[in-house]
Amino acid sequence: MLKQFLYNFFSSFLILMFIFIFQTIWLFIDDLAGKGLDIIIIGKFLFYLLPNLTEKVLPLTVLLSSILTFGSFAENYEFAAMKASGISLQRAMLPLIILVTILGGVAFFFANSVIPASEQKIYNLRRNIATVKPAAVIVEGVFSDIEGLNIKVDQKYGDNDRYLRDVVIHRKTNLEKNNTVIKAKGGELKSREGSGIIQLVLSDGHYYEEIVSKSGSGKDKSPFTRSNFETYTINIEIPDNIQDLEEERNVRTDKMKNVSRLNKDIDSIRENNVKIVAAFSKNITNRMGAFLPLIKPDTLPKKKSFKTTLDTAALNSKKKKEIIKKTDTMPVTNVLDLYKEYQQMQIIGAAKNSLSNILNSVLGKKEELQRRYKIYNMHILSLHKKFALGLSCIILFFVGAPLGAIIRKGGLGLPMVIAIVLFLTYYFIGVFAGNYAKEGNIHPILGAWLSTLIMLPLGVYLTKRATADRGLMDFGHVIEKIKDFFRKKNKVTAS
């Protein structure tokens, strides 16, 4: 049984990996083909994608190979022979359970070490291709980021897509703001071997720039510059340290980190988010003037001179008389009634402006906070997905093995269909749960484990059915109850 399972496992893994590689090639064929990239670079790019594909292929392989193995044994009545010899299904599954448990540990190690390293390689390779060979990263119809420039073109043509049509460029400042917009009807990318500069030559266009004034009074005038040009050249400098397309860059996202790094970053991101929210809340509270803390009275008696006491008493008495006089002549139901009409309008206008400014500040900060908490959720999601991958291999084995024993069918026909349906259910539940978790609609831990937790009761149910030598669904009991009901009804009618 162990030999048959390993044969089905490796053959299924190679077939499925081959299918997934071709699917990946079709996704990236437009970005890689005809861009002047060496075949070795394209091969390395696909090689670095293999660990990421393994994360998808491995659970499906375990599910399919377990269905094939146990379906073949059940089809040839080998389980019946085992049971006649006193060997239960659990006893027969024991070597494979140990093997799949080890496989789950290997999958966790793979997700914790190999996949983060491959993600780093893929990121560096794509970024360096975008810098060294800009035509490979410029996509028609959308904005593409190249070394501080956001470039959009309607069409690329010519040798290696070097000629551009209808170019729009947003140039970023040091503060990551787009103060400069360049539009041109045509463009051309020029480069020389050994040169560290790529030239983007634009033709027949316009140049717009918003000038940032250093003085506060100049900002109200909104200075603006516009010019037309027949030819405009932009030099894109390639840093010396990335002439090699595989040069490492110090960039770390959640997919590029292992468990220990994720745990540290989750704590630091959470503390940073709490500090930012607390500081923003304090700022808004101070601007509103609301929820001010009460000043606690001083419990220590103060020494006062006799003259100071008399002056204070006289002053308080005078204020009380003025307040009583005002309240007697004009009962106050609104604070604004204490002021004149033009003063009331000024107060209302100031309150509206203050409220509008606060709302704008809240809306502006909302996007930043959502982005920060999305990064936080993605780190938690990536952390738990590493553990969920190893456990999913074990659970899917307990789904596939008893299911194969129940359906009693070997080969690549019905078992393949059932395995694909179950895996697609598992995969799409995981995708939807992950997307909801990133946006904060559900907890990230639940998003990482939901698909695995749904498959767990299915595995328990199928294992119990296969151990008791029952079918997938037992409708006999229900049918007998329906027959008894109609028999009783016929007897009552006859009598």
Protein backbone atom coordinates (compact mmCIF):
# COMPACT_ATOMS: atom_id res chain seq x y z
CA MET A 1 0.00 0.00 0.00
CA LEU A 2 2.82 2.39 0.85
CA LYS A 3 4.52 1.64 -2.47
CA GLN A 4 1.30 2.19 -4.41
CA PHE A 5 0.61 5.46 -2.58
CA LEU A 6 4.11 6.82 -3.28
CA TYR A 7 3.79 5.88 -6.95
CA ASN A 8 0.43 7.68 -7.22
CA PHE A 9 1.75 10.62 -5.19
CA PHE A 10 4.82 11.37 -7.33
CA SER A 11 3.05 10.75 -10.64
CA SER A 12 0.10 12.98 -9.62
CA PHE A 13 2.49 15.65 -8.35
CA LEU A 14 4.42 15.78 -11.62
CA ILE A 15 1.26 15.89 -13.74
CA LEU A 16 -0.39 18.59 -11.65
CA MET A 17 2.80 20.65 -11.43
CA PHE A 18 3.14 20.45 -15.22
CA ILE A 19 -0.44 21.71 -15.61
CA PHE A 20 0.07 24.57 -13.13
CA ILE A 21 3.35 25.61 -14.79
CA PHE A 22 1.62 25.90 -18.15
CA GLN A 23 -1.16 27.93 -16.54
CA THR A 24 1.49 30.26 -15.07
CA ILE A 25 3.21 30.57 -18.44
CA TRP A 26 -0.06 31.69 -20.04
CA LEU A 27 -0.48 34.30 -17.30
CA PHE A 28 3.00 35.81 -17.79
CA ILE A 29 3.55 35.11 -21.49
CA ASP A 30 2.73 38.70 -22.50
CA ASP A 31 5.17 40.10 -19.94
CA LEU A 32 8.06 37.77 -20.81
CA ALA A 33 7.88 36.99 -24.52
CA GLY A 34 9.45 39.39 -27.00
CA LYS A 35 10.99 41.68 -24.35
CA GLY A 36 14.62 40.93 -25.11
CA LEU A 37 14.96 38.68 -22.04
CA ASP A 38 17.38 35.79 -22.10
CA ILE A 39 15.87 32.28 -22.10
CA ILE A 40 17.89 31.56 -18.96
CA ILE A 41 16.23 34.49 -17.15
CA ILE A 42 12.77 33.25 -18.19
CA GLY A 43 13.70 29.76 -16.99
CA LYS A 44 14.87 31.12 -13.62
CA PHE A 45 11.68 33.12 -13.31
CA LEU A 46 9.59 29.97 -13.77
CA PHE A 47 11.91 28.01 -11.44
CA TYR A 48 11.40 30.59 -8.67
CA LEU A 49 7.64 30.21 -9.12
CA LEU A 50 7.73 26.46 -8.45
CA PRO A 51 7.67 26.72 -4.60
CA ASN A 52 4.68 29.04 -4.80
CA LEU A 53 2.92 26.55 -7.06
CA THR A 54 3.82 23.71 -4.70
CA GLU A 55 1.68 25.39 -2.04
CA LYS A 56 -1.35 24.80 -4.31
CA VAL A 57 -0.31 21.48 -5.86
CA LEU A 58 0.65 19.60 -2.68
CA PRO A 59 -2.82 19.45 -0.99
CA LEU A 60 -4.44 18.43 -4.28
CA THR A 61 -1.78 15.76 -4.79
CA VAL A 62 -2.37 14.24 -1.35
CA LEU A 63 -6.13 14.21 -1.95
CA LEU A 64 -5.88 12.67 -5.42
CA SER A 65 -3.23 10.06 -4.58
CA SER A 66 -5.15 8.88 -1.49
CA ILE A 67 -8.38 8.50 -3.53
CA LEU A 68 -6.51 6.63 -6.28
CA THR A 69 -4.72 4.29 -3.88
CA PHE A 70 -7.66 3.33 -1.69
CA GLY A 71 -10.08 3.30 -4.62
CA SER A 72 -7.88 0.82 -6.45
CA PHE A 73 -7.54 -1.41 -3.39
CA ALA A 74 -11.30 -1.36 -2.76
CA GLU A 75 -12.06 -2.03 -6.43
CA ASN A 76 -9.91 -5.18 -6.36
CA TYR A 77 -11.54 -6.35 -3.08
CA GLU A 78 -8.24 -6.15 -1.23
CA PHE A 79 -9.85 -4.39 1.73
CA ALA A 80 -12.35 -7.23 1.96
CA ALA A 81 -9.44 -9.67 2.12
CA MET A 82 -7.76 -7.55 4.80
CA LYS A 83 -10.91 -7.46 6.91
CA ALA A 84 -11.33 -11.22 6.52
CA SER A 85 -7.77 -11.59 7.82
CA GLY A 86 -8.55 -9.40 10.83
CA ILE A 87 -6.84 -6.21 9.54
CA SER A 88 -9.00 -3.14 10.07
CA LEU A 89 -9.02 -0.04 7.86
CA GLN A 90 -7.20 2.01 10.49
CA ARG A 91 -4.48 -0.66 10.73
CA ALA A 92 -4.09 -0.59 6.95
CA MET A 93 -3.94 3.22 6.94
CA LEU A 94 -1.35 3.45 9.74
CA PRO A 95 1.82 3.50 7.55
CA LEU A 96 0.27 6.13 5.29
CA ILE A 97 -0.87 8.20 8.29
CA ILE A 98 2.75 8.31 9.50
CA LEU A 99 3.95 9.20 6.01
CA VAL A 100 1.38 11.98 5.57
CA THR A 101 2.17 13.37 9.04
CA ILE A 102 5.83 13.62 8.04
CA LEU A 103 4.72 15.19 4.76
CA GLY A 104 2.75 17.79 6.72
CA GLY A 105 5.90 18.71 8.67
CA VAL A 106 7.86 18.97 5.42
CA ALA A 107 5.12 21.21 3.98
CA PHE A 108 5.38 23.52 7.00
CA PHE A 109 9.17 23.70 6.63
CA PHE A 110 8.70 24.40 2.93
CA ALA A 111 6.20 27.20 3.63
CA ASN A 112 8.43 28.67 6.35
CA SER A 113 11.78 28.62 4.53
CA VAL A 114 11.63 27.88 0.81
CA ILE A 115 8.54 29.84 -0.24
CA PRO A 116 9.66 33.14 1.43
CA ALA A 117 13.06 32.85 -0.27
CA SER A 118 11.43 32.20 -3.66
CA GLU A 119 9.07 35.16 -3.19
CA GLN A 120 12.10 37.36 -2.53
CA LYS A 121 13.79 36.07 -5.69
CA ILE A 122 10.68 36.65 -7.81
CA TYR A 123 10.25 40.18 -6.48
CA ASN A 124 13.88 41.11 -7.09
CA LEU A 125 13.84 39.62 -10.57
CA ARG A 126 10.66 41.43 -11.62
CA ARG A 127 11.79 44.77 -10.13
CA ASN A 128 15.21 44.55 -11.75
CA ILE A 129 13.68 43.60 -15.10
CA ALA A 130 11.46 46.67 -14.78
CA THR A 131 14.52 48.84 -14.19
CA VAL A 132 16.97 47.36 -16.67
CA LYS A 133 14.39 46.63 -19.39
CA PRO A 134 11.49 49.10 -18.96
CA ALA A 135 9.62 47.82 -22.04
CA ALA A 136 9.10 44.52 -20.21
CA VAL A 137 7.12 46.17 -17.40
CA ILE A 138 5.19 48.89 -19.24
CA VAL A 139 1.68 47.53 -19.74
CA GLU A 140 -0.68 49.04 -22.28
CA GLY A 141 -3.62 50.96 -20.85
CA VAL A 142 -2.51 51.07 -17.19
CA PHE A 143 0.01 53.05 -15.13
CA SER A 144 3.35 51.28 -14.58
CA ASP A 145 5.87 52.33 -11.92
CA ILE A 146 9.48 52.73 -13.14
CA GLU A 147 12.02 54.35 -10.81
CA GLY A 148 9.86 57.26 -9.63
CA LEU A 149 7.81 57.58 -12.85
CA ASN A 150 4.23 56.42 -13.36
CA ILE A 151 3.96 55.74 -17.11
CA LYS A 152 0.85 54.90 -19.10
CA VAL A 153 0.83 54.17 -22.83
CA ASP A 154 -2.05 53.32 -25.14
CA GLN A 155 0.03 51.19 -27.51
CA LYS A 156 3.51 49.67 -27.83
CA TYR A 157 4.95 48.62 -31.18
CA GLY A 158 8.19 48.13 -33.09
CA ASP A 159 11.24 46.07 -32.20
CA ASN A 160 11.02 44.86 -28.57
CA ASP A 161 8.10 47.29 -28.07
CA ARG A 162 10.51 50.23 -27.97
CA TYR A 163 8.06 52.69 -29.58
CA LEU A 164 5.19 54.14 -27.54
CA ARG A 165 2.01 55.94 -28.52
CA ASP A 166 -0.07 58.39 -26.41
CA VAL A 167 2.18 58.58 -23.35
CA VAL A 168 1.10 59.99 -19.96
CA ILE A 169 3.73 60.34 -17.21
CA HIS A 170 3.31 61.32 -13.56
CA ARG A 171 6.63 62.18 -11.95
CA LYS A 172 6.91 61.62 -8.20
CA THR A 173 8.59 64.05 -5.82
CA ASN A 174 10.60 63.12 -2.75
CA LEU A 175 7.33 63.26 -0.77
CA GLU A 176 5.71 60.75 -3.15
CA LYS A 177 3.41 63.39 -4.68
CA ASN A 178 2.60 63.72 -8.38
CA ASN A 179 3.23 67.43 -8.99
CA THR A 180 4.38 66.95 -12.61
CA VAL A 181 2.34 65.58 -15.53
CA ILE A 182 3.82 65.01 -19.00
CA LYS A 183 1.70 64.09 -22.02
CA ALA A 184 3.08 63.18 -25.44
CA LYS A 185 1.71 61.72 -28.65
CA GLY A 186 4.73 59.45 -29.15
CA GLY A 187 7.82 58.12 -27.43
CA GLU A 188 10.82 55.85 -27.82
CA LEU A 189 12.96 53.88 -25.37
CA LYS A 190 16.69 53.99 -26.16
CA SER A 191 19.52 52.15 -24.44
CA ARG A 192 23.08 51.04 -25.14
CA GLU A 193 25.00 48.01 -23.99
CA GLY A 194 27.13 48.81 -20.97
CA SER A 195 25.37 52.12 -20.39
CA GLY A 196 23.76 52.82 -17.01
CA ILE A 197 21.12 55.14 -18.50
CA ILE A 198 17.93 54.46 -20.44
CA GLN A 199 16.56 57.38 -22.46
CA LEU A 200 12.85 57.96 -22.89
CA VAL A 201 12.50 60.34 -25.86
CA LEU A 202 9.05 61.95 -26.06
CA SER A 203 7.72 63.85 -29.07
CA ASP A 204 4.93 66.42 -29.61
CA GLY A 205 3.66 66.87 -26.08
CA HIS A 206 2.89 69.13 -23.14
CA TYR A 207 4.51 69.61 -19.74
CA TYR A 208 2.51 70.57 -16.63
CA GLU A 209 3.97 71.26 -13.20
CA GLU A 210 2.48 72.49 -9.96
CA ILE A 211 5.06 74.67 -8.23
CA VAL A 212 5.24 74.24 -4.48
CA SER A 213 5.74 77.64 -2.85
CA LYS A 214 8.04 77.85 0.13
CA SER A 215 6.21 80.77 1.75
CA GLY A 216 2.78 80.40 3.29
CA SER A 217 1.32 83.37 1.41
CA GLY A 218 2.40 81.97 -1.98
CA LYS A 219 0.42 78.77 -1.52
CA ASP A 220 -2.89 80.59 -1.89
CA LYS A 221 -1.94 81.72 -5.40
CA SER A 222 -1.42 78.08 -6.58
CA PRO A 223 1.49 78.74 -9.02
CA PHE A 224 1.38 76.54 -12.11
CA THR A 225 3.67 75.98 -15.11
CA ARG A 226 2.75 74.77 -18.59
CA SER A 227 4.93 74.35 -21.67
CA ASN A 228 4.84 72.64 -25.06
CA PHE A 229 7.67 70.66 -26.59
CA GLU A 230 8.53 68.93 -29.83
CA THR A 231 11.13 66.63 -28.25
CA TYR A 232 11.68 65.95 -24.56
CA THR A 233 14.23 63.45 -23.21
CA ILE A 234 14.01 61.79 -19.80
CA ASN A 235 17.08 59.92 -18.56
CA ILE A 236 16.31 56.92 -16.37
CA GLU A 237 19.45 56.00 -14.45
CA ILE A 238 20.03 52.36 -13.65
CA PRO A 239 21.79 51.95 -10.27
CA ASP A 240 25.10 50.13 -10.49
CA ASN A 241 24.04 47.55 -7.94
CA ILE A 242 21.19 46.15 -10.07
CA GLN A 243 22.88 45.64 -13.42
CA ASP A 244 22.52 41.97 -12.53
CA LEU A 245 18.86 40.96 -12.89
CA GLU A 246 19.13 38.73 -9.84
CA GLU A 247 20.66 41.35 -7.54
CA GLU A 248 19.04 41.26 -4.09
CA ARG A 249 16.99 44.20 -2.85
CA ASN A 250 16.13 44.86 0.76
CA VAL A 251 12.35 44.60 0.44
CA ARG A 252 10.25 42.50 2.78
CA THR A 253 6.55 41.79 2.46
CA ASP A 254 4.49 39.34 4.50
CA LYS A 255 5.05 36.53 1.96
CA MET A 256 8.82 36.93 2.22
CA LYS A 257 9.01 36.34 5.99
CA ASN A 258 9.29 33.23 8.12
CA VAL A 259 7.40 32.53 11.34
CA SER A 260 9.83 34.20 13.74
CA ARG A 261 10.05 37.35 11.60
CA LEU A 262 6.27 37.47 11.21
CA ASN A 263 5.73 37.22 14.98
CA LYS A 264 8.10 40.12 15.61
CA ASP A 265 6.62 42.29 12.87
CA ILE A 266 3.03 41.58 13.94
CA ASP A 267 3.81 42.91 17.44
CA SER A 268 5.62 45.98 16.12
CA ILE A 269 2.93 46.77 13.53
CA ARG A 270 0.17 46.42 16.14
CA GLU A 271 1.96 48.73 18.60
CA ASN A 272 2.66 51.25 15.84
CA ASN A 273 -0.98 51.23 14.71
CA VAL A 274 -2.20 51.74 18.28
CA LYS A 275 0.16 54.70 18.72
CA ILE A 276 -0.97 56.28 15.44
CA VAL A 277 -4.66 55.88 16.32
CA ALA A 278 -4.13 57.25 19.84
CA ALA A 279 -2.17 60.27 18.56
CA PHE A 280 -4.79 61.02 15.89
CA SER A 281 -7.62 60.63 18.41
CA LYS A 282 -5.88 62.99 20.82
CA ASN A 283 -5.33 65.52 18.03
CA ILE A 284 -9.01 65.46 17.00
CA THR A 285 -10.14 65.72 20.62
CA ASN A 286 -7.95 68.75 21.22
CA ARG A 287 -9.19 70.42 18.02
CA MET A 288 -12.82 69.81 19.00
CA GLY A 289 -12.34 70.96 22.57
CA ALA A 290 -14.47 68.05 23.76
CA PHE A 291 -13.93 65.43 26.43
CA LEU A 292 -11.55 67.67 28.30
CA PRO A 293 -10.40 66.14 31.60
CA LEU A 294 -11.85 67.71 34.74
CA ILE A 295 -9.45 69.70 36.87
CA LYS A 296 -9.31 68.13 40.31
CA PRO A 297 -9.70 70.63 43.13
CA ASP A 298 -6.72 71.28 45.33
CA THR A 299 -7.27 69.61 48.70
CA LEU A 300 -4.54 71.59 50.42
CA PRO A 301 -5.84 74.76 52.09
CA LYS A 302 -4.33 77.95 50.78
CA LYS A 303 -3.31 80.73 53.04
CA LYS A 304 -5.10 83.91 52.17
CA SER A 305 -4.70 87.32 53.61
CA PHE A 306 -7.70 89.15 55.04
CA LYS A 307 -7.58 91.77 52.24
CA THR A 308 -7.56 89.14 49.46
CA THR A 309 -10.54 87.37 50.99
CA LEU A 310 -12.55 90.61 51.12
CA ASP A 311 -11.68 91.50 47.51
CA THR A 312 -12.63 88.03 46.26
CA ALA A 313 -15.92 88.07 48.12
CA ALA A 314 -16.79 91.51 46.73
CA LEU A 315 -15.94 90.42 43.19
CA ASN A 316 -18.02 87.24 43.45
CA SER A 317 -20.95 89.17 44.85
CA LYS A 318 -20.81 91.64 41.96
CA LYS A 319 -20.72 88.80 39.35
CA LYS A 320 -23.64 87.05 40.99
CA LYS A 321 -25.71 90.22 40.83
CA GLU A 322 -24.94 90.68 37.12
CA ILE A 323 -25.89 87.04 36.34
CA ILE A 324 -29.14 87.33 38.33
CA LYS A 325 -29.97 90.59 36.57
CA LYS A 326 -29.44 89.01 33.13
CA THR A 327 -31.46 85.91 33.91
CA ASP A 328 -34.31 88.03 35.29
CA THR A 329 -34.59 90.20 32.21
CA MET A 330 -33.97 87.49 29.54
CA PRO A 331 -34.41 83.77 30.22
CA VAL A 332 -31.65 81.81 28.45
CA THR A 333 -32.68 78.63 26.58
CA ASN A 334 -29.72 78.56 24.18
CA VAL A 335 -26.10 79.54 24.58
CA LEU A 336 -26.27 81.54 21.35
CA ASP A 337 -28.99 83.76 22.88
CA LEU A 338 -26.31 85.36 25.05
CA TYR A 339 -24.74 86.90 21.93
CA LYS A 340 -25.86 89.39 19.35
CA GLU A 341 -27.12 88.26 15.96
CA TYR A 342 -23.97 88.99 13.98
CA GLN A 343 -21.91 87.25 16.65
CA GLN A 344 -24.18 84.21 16.44
CA MET A 345 -23.55 83.99 12.69
CA GLN A 346 -19.81 84.19 13.27
CA ILE A 347 -19.93 81.43 15.90
CA ILE A 348 -22.04 79.15 13.67
CA GLY A 349 -19.73 79.76 10.69
CA ALA A 350 -16.64 79.02 12.76
CA ALA A 351 -18.24 75.82 14.09
CA LYS A 352 -19.12 74.65 10.55
CA ASN A 353 -15.59 75.33 9.30
CA SER A 354 -14.09 73.53 12.28
CA LEU A 355 -16.38 70.52 11.78
CA SER A 356 -15.64 70.42 8.04
CA ASN A 357 -11.88 70.49 8.68
CA ILE A 358 -12.17 67.69 11.23
CA LEU A 359 -14.24 65.53 8.86
CA ASN A 360 -11.69 66.07 6.08
CA SER A 361 -8.90 65.07 8.45
CA VAL A 362 -10.77 61.92 9.48
CA LEU A 363 -11.49 60.93 5.87
CA GLY A 364 -7.87 61.56 4.90
CA LYS A 365 -6.59 59.48 7.80
CA LYS A 366 -9.12 56.72 7.18
CA GLU A 367 -7.35 55.44 4.03
CA GLU A 368 -3.98 55.40 5.77
CA LEU A 369 -5.35 53.50 8.77
CA GLN A 370 -7.15 51.01 6.51
CA ARG A 371 -3.92 50.38 4.62
CA ARG A 372 -1.97 49.91 7.86
CA TYR A 373 -4.49 47.49 9.31
CA LYS A 374 -4.65 45.61 6.02
CA ILE A 375 -0.88 45.06 6.23
CA TYR A 376 -1.35 43.91 9.83
CA ASN A 377 -4.08 41.45 8.79
CA MET A 378 -1.96 40.14 5.91
CA HIS A 379 0.91 39.36 8.30
CA ILE A 380 -1.38 37.37 10.62
CA LEU A 381 -2.90 35.61 7.61
CA SER A 382 0.51 34.62 6.23
CA LEU A 383 1.64 33.36 9.65
CA HIS A 384 -1.30 31.00 10.11
CA LYS A 385 -1.35 29.86 6.48
CA LYS A 386 2.06 28.27 7.04
CA PHE A 387 0.63 26.07 9.79
CA ALA A 388 -2.63 25.49 7.89
CA LEU A 389 -0.75 24.14 4.85
CA GLY A 390 0.85 21.30 6.83
CA LEU A 391 -2.39 20.40 8.62
CA SER A 392 -4.42 20.57 5.39
CA CYS A 393 -2.31 17.78 3.86
CA ILE A 394 -3.19 15.52 6.81
CA ILE A 395 -6.91 16.40 6.79
CA LEU A 396 -7.25 16.00 3.03
CA PHE A 397 -5.68 12.55 3.35
CA PHE A 398 -8.42 11.58 5.80
CA VAL A 399 -10.93 12.92 3.27
CA GLY A 400 -9.46 11.15 0.24
CA ALA A 401 -8.51 7.77 1.73
CA PRO A 402 -11.95 6.79 3.12
CA LEU A 403 -13.65 8.35 0.09
CA GLY A 404 -11.62 6.07 -2.19
CA ALA A 405 -12.55 3.06 -0.06
CA ILE A 406 -16.24 4.03 -0.28
CA ILE A 407 -16.52 4.73 -4.03
CA ARG A 408 -14.39 1.62 -4.84
CA LYS A 409 -13.12 3.02 -8.12
CA GLY A 410 -9.51 3.32 -9.29
CA GLY A 411 -7.96 5.04 -12.30
CA LEU A 412 -8.03 8.67 -13.36
CA GLY A 413 -11.74 8.93 -14.19
CA LEU A 414 -14.18 9.37 -11.33
CA PRO A 415 -11.46 9.78 -8.63
CA MET A 416 -9.93 12.69 -10.57
CA VAL A 417 -13.32 14.41 -10.90
CA ILE A 418 -14.13 13.99 -7.20
CA ALA A 419 -10.65 15.17 -6.15
CA ILE A 420 -10.86 18.28 -8.34
CA VAL A 421 -14.35 19.16 -7.05
CA LEU A 422 -13.28 18.78 -3.41
CA PHE A 423 -10.04 20.71 -3.96
CA LEU A 424 -11.78 23.56 -5.78
CA THR A 425 -14.23 23.80 -2.87
CA TYR A 426 -11.31 23.85 -0.42
CA TYR A 427 -9.32 26.32 -2.53
CA PHE A 428 -12.09 28.84 -3.25
CA ILE A 429 -13.23 28.88 0.37
CA GLY A 430 -9.65 29.68 1.32
CA VAL A 431 -9.39 32.44 -1.31
CA PHE A 432 -12.64 34.13 -0.31
CA ALA A 433 -11.86 33.82 3.40
CA GLY A 434 -8.37 35.27 2.82
CA ASN A 435 -9.75 38.26 0.91
CA TYR A 436 -12.34 38.94 3.61
CA ALA A 437 -9.63 38.66 6.27
CA LYS A 438 -7.36 41.15 4.51
CA GLU A 439 -10.13 43.76 4.48
CA GLY A 440 -10.91 43.12 8.16
CA ASN A 441 -14.38 41.65 7.56
CA ILE A 442 -13.42 38.48 9.44
CA HIS A 443 -10.55 37.72 11.77
CA PRO A 444 -7.31 36.83 9.91
CA ILE A 445 -6.87 33.63 11.94
CA LEU A 446 -10.31 32.43 10.83
CA GLY A 447 -9.50 33.42 7.25
CA ALA A 448 -6.39 31.21 7.26
CA TRP A 449 -8.05 28.18 8.88
CA LEU A 450 -11.63 28.29 7.53
CA SER A 451 -11.19 25.97 4.54
CA THR A 452 -9.22 23.47 6.64
CA LEU A 453 -11.81 23.55 9.43
CA ILE A 454 -14.60 22.89 6.93
CA MET A 455 -12.78 19.83 5.57
CA LEU A 456 -12.13 18.47 9.09
CA PRO A 457 -15.71 17.28 9.87
CA LEU A 458 -15.98 15.88 6.33
CA GLY A 459 -12.85 13.78 6.96
CA VAL A 460 -14.22 12.54 10.30
CA TYR A 461 -17.57 11.64 8.71
CA LEU A 462 -16.03 9.78 5.76
CA THR A 463 -13.59 7.89 8.01
CA LYS A 464 -16.47 6.69 10.20
CA ARG A 465 -18.49 5.60 7.16
CA ALA A 466 -15.54 3.73 5.62
CA THR A 467 -14.67 2.04 8.93
CA ALA A 468 -18.26 0.80 9.30
CA ASP A 469 -18.19 -0.36 5.66
CA ARG A 470 -21.10 1.88 4.70
CA GLY A 471 -21.80 3.83 1.55
CA LEU A 472 -21.34 7.52 1.03
CA MET A 473 -25.00 8.26 1.74
CA ASP A 474 -27.40 5.81 3.45
CA PHE A 475 -30.82 6.44 1.97
CA GLY A 476 -32.18 2.97 2.76
CA HIS A 477 -33.43 3.89 6.22
CA VAL A 478 -35.24 6.96 4.88
CA ILE A 479 -36.83 4.97 2.02
CA GLU A 480 -38.08 2.30 4.43
CA LYS A 481 -39.73 4.97 6.58
CA ILE A 482 -41.47 6.40 3.50
CA LYS A 483 -42.69 2.90 2.49
CA ASP A 484 -44.03 2.22 6.01
CA PHE A 485 -45.89 5.53 5.93
CA PHE A 486 -47.65 4.66 2.66
CA ARG A 487 -48.45 1.12 3.87
CA LYS A 488 -50.18 2.48 6.97
CA LYS A 489 -52.06 5.01 4.84
CA ASN A 490 -53.30 2.28 2.47
CA LYS A 491 -54.46 0.13 5.43
CA VAL A 492 -56.43 3.04 6.90
CA THR A 493 -58.06 3.71 3.51
CA ALA A 494 -58.98 0.05 3.02
CA SER A 495 -60.54 -0.23 6.46
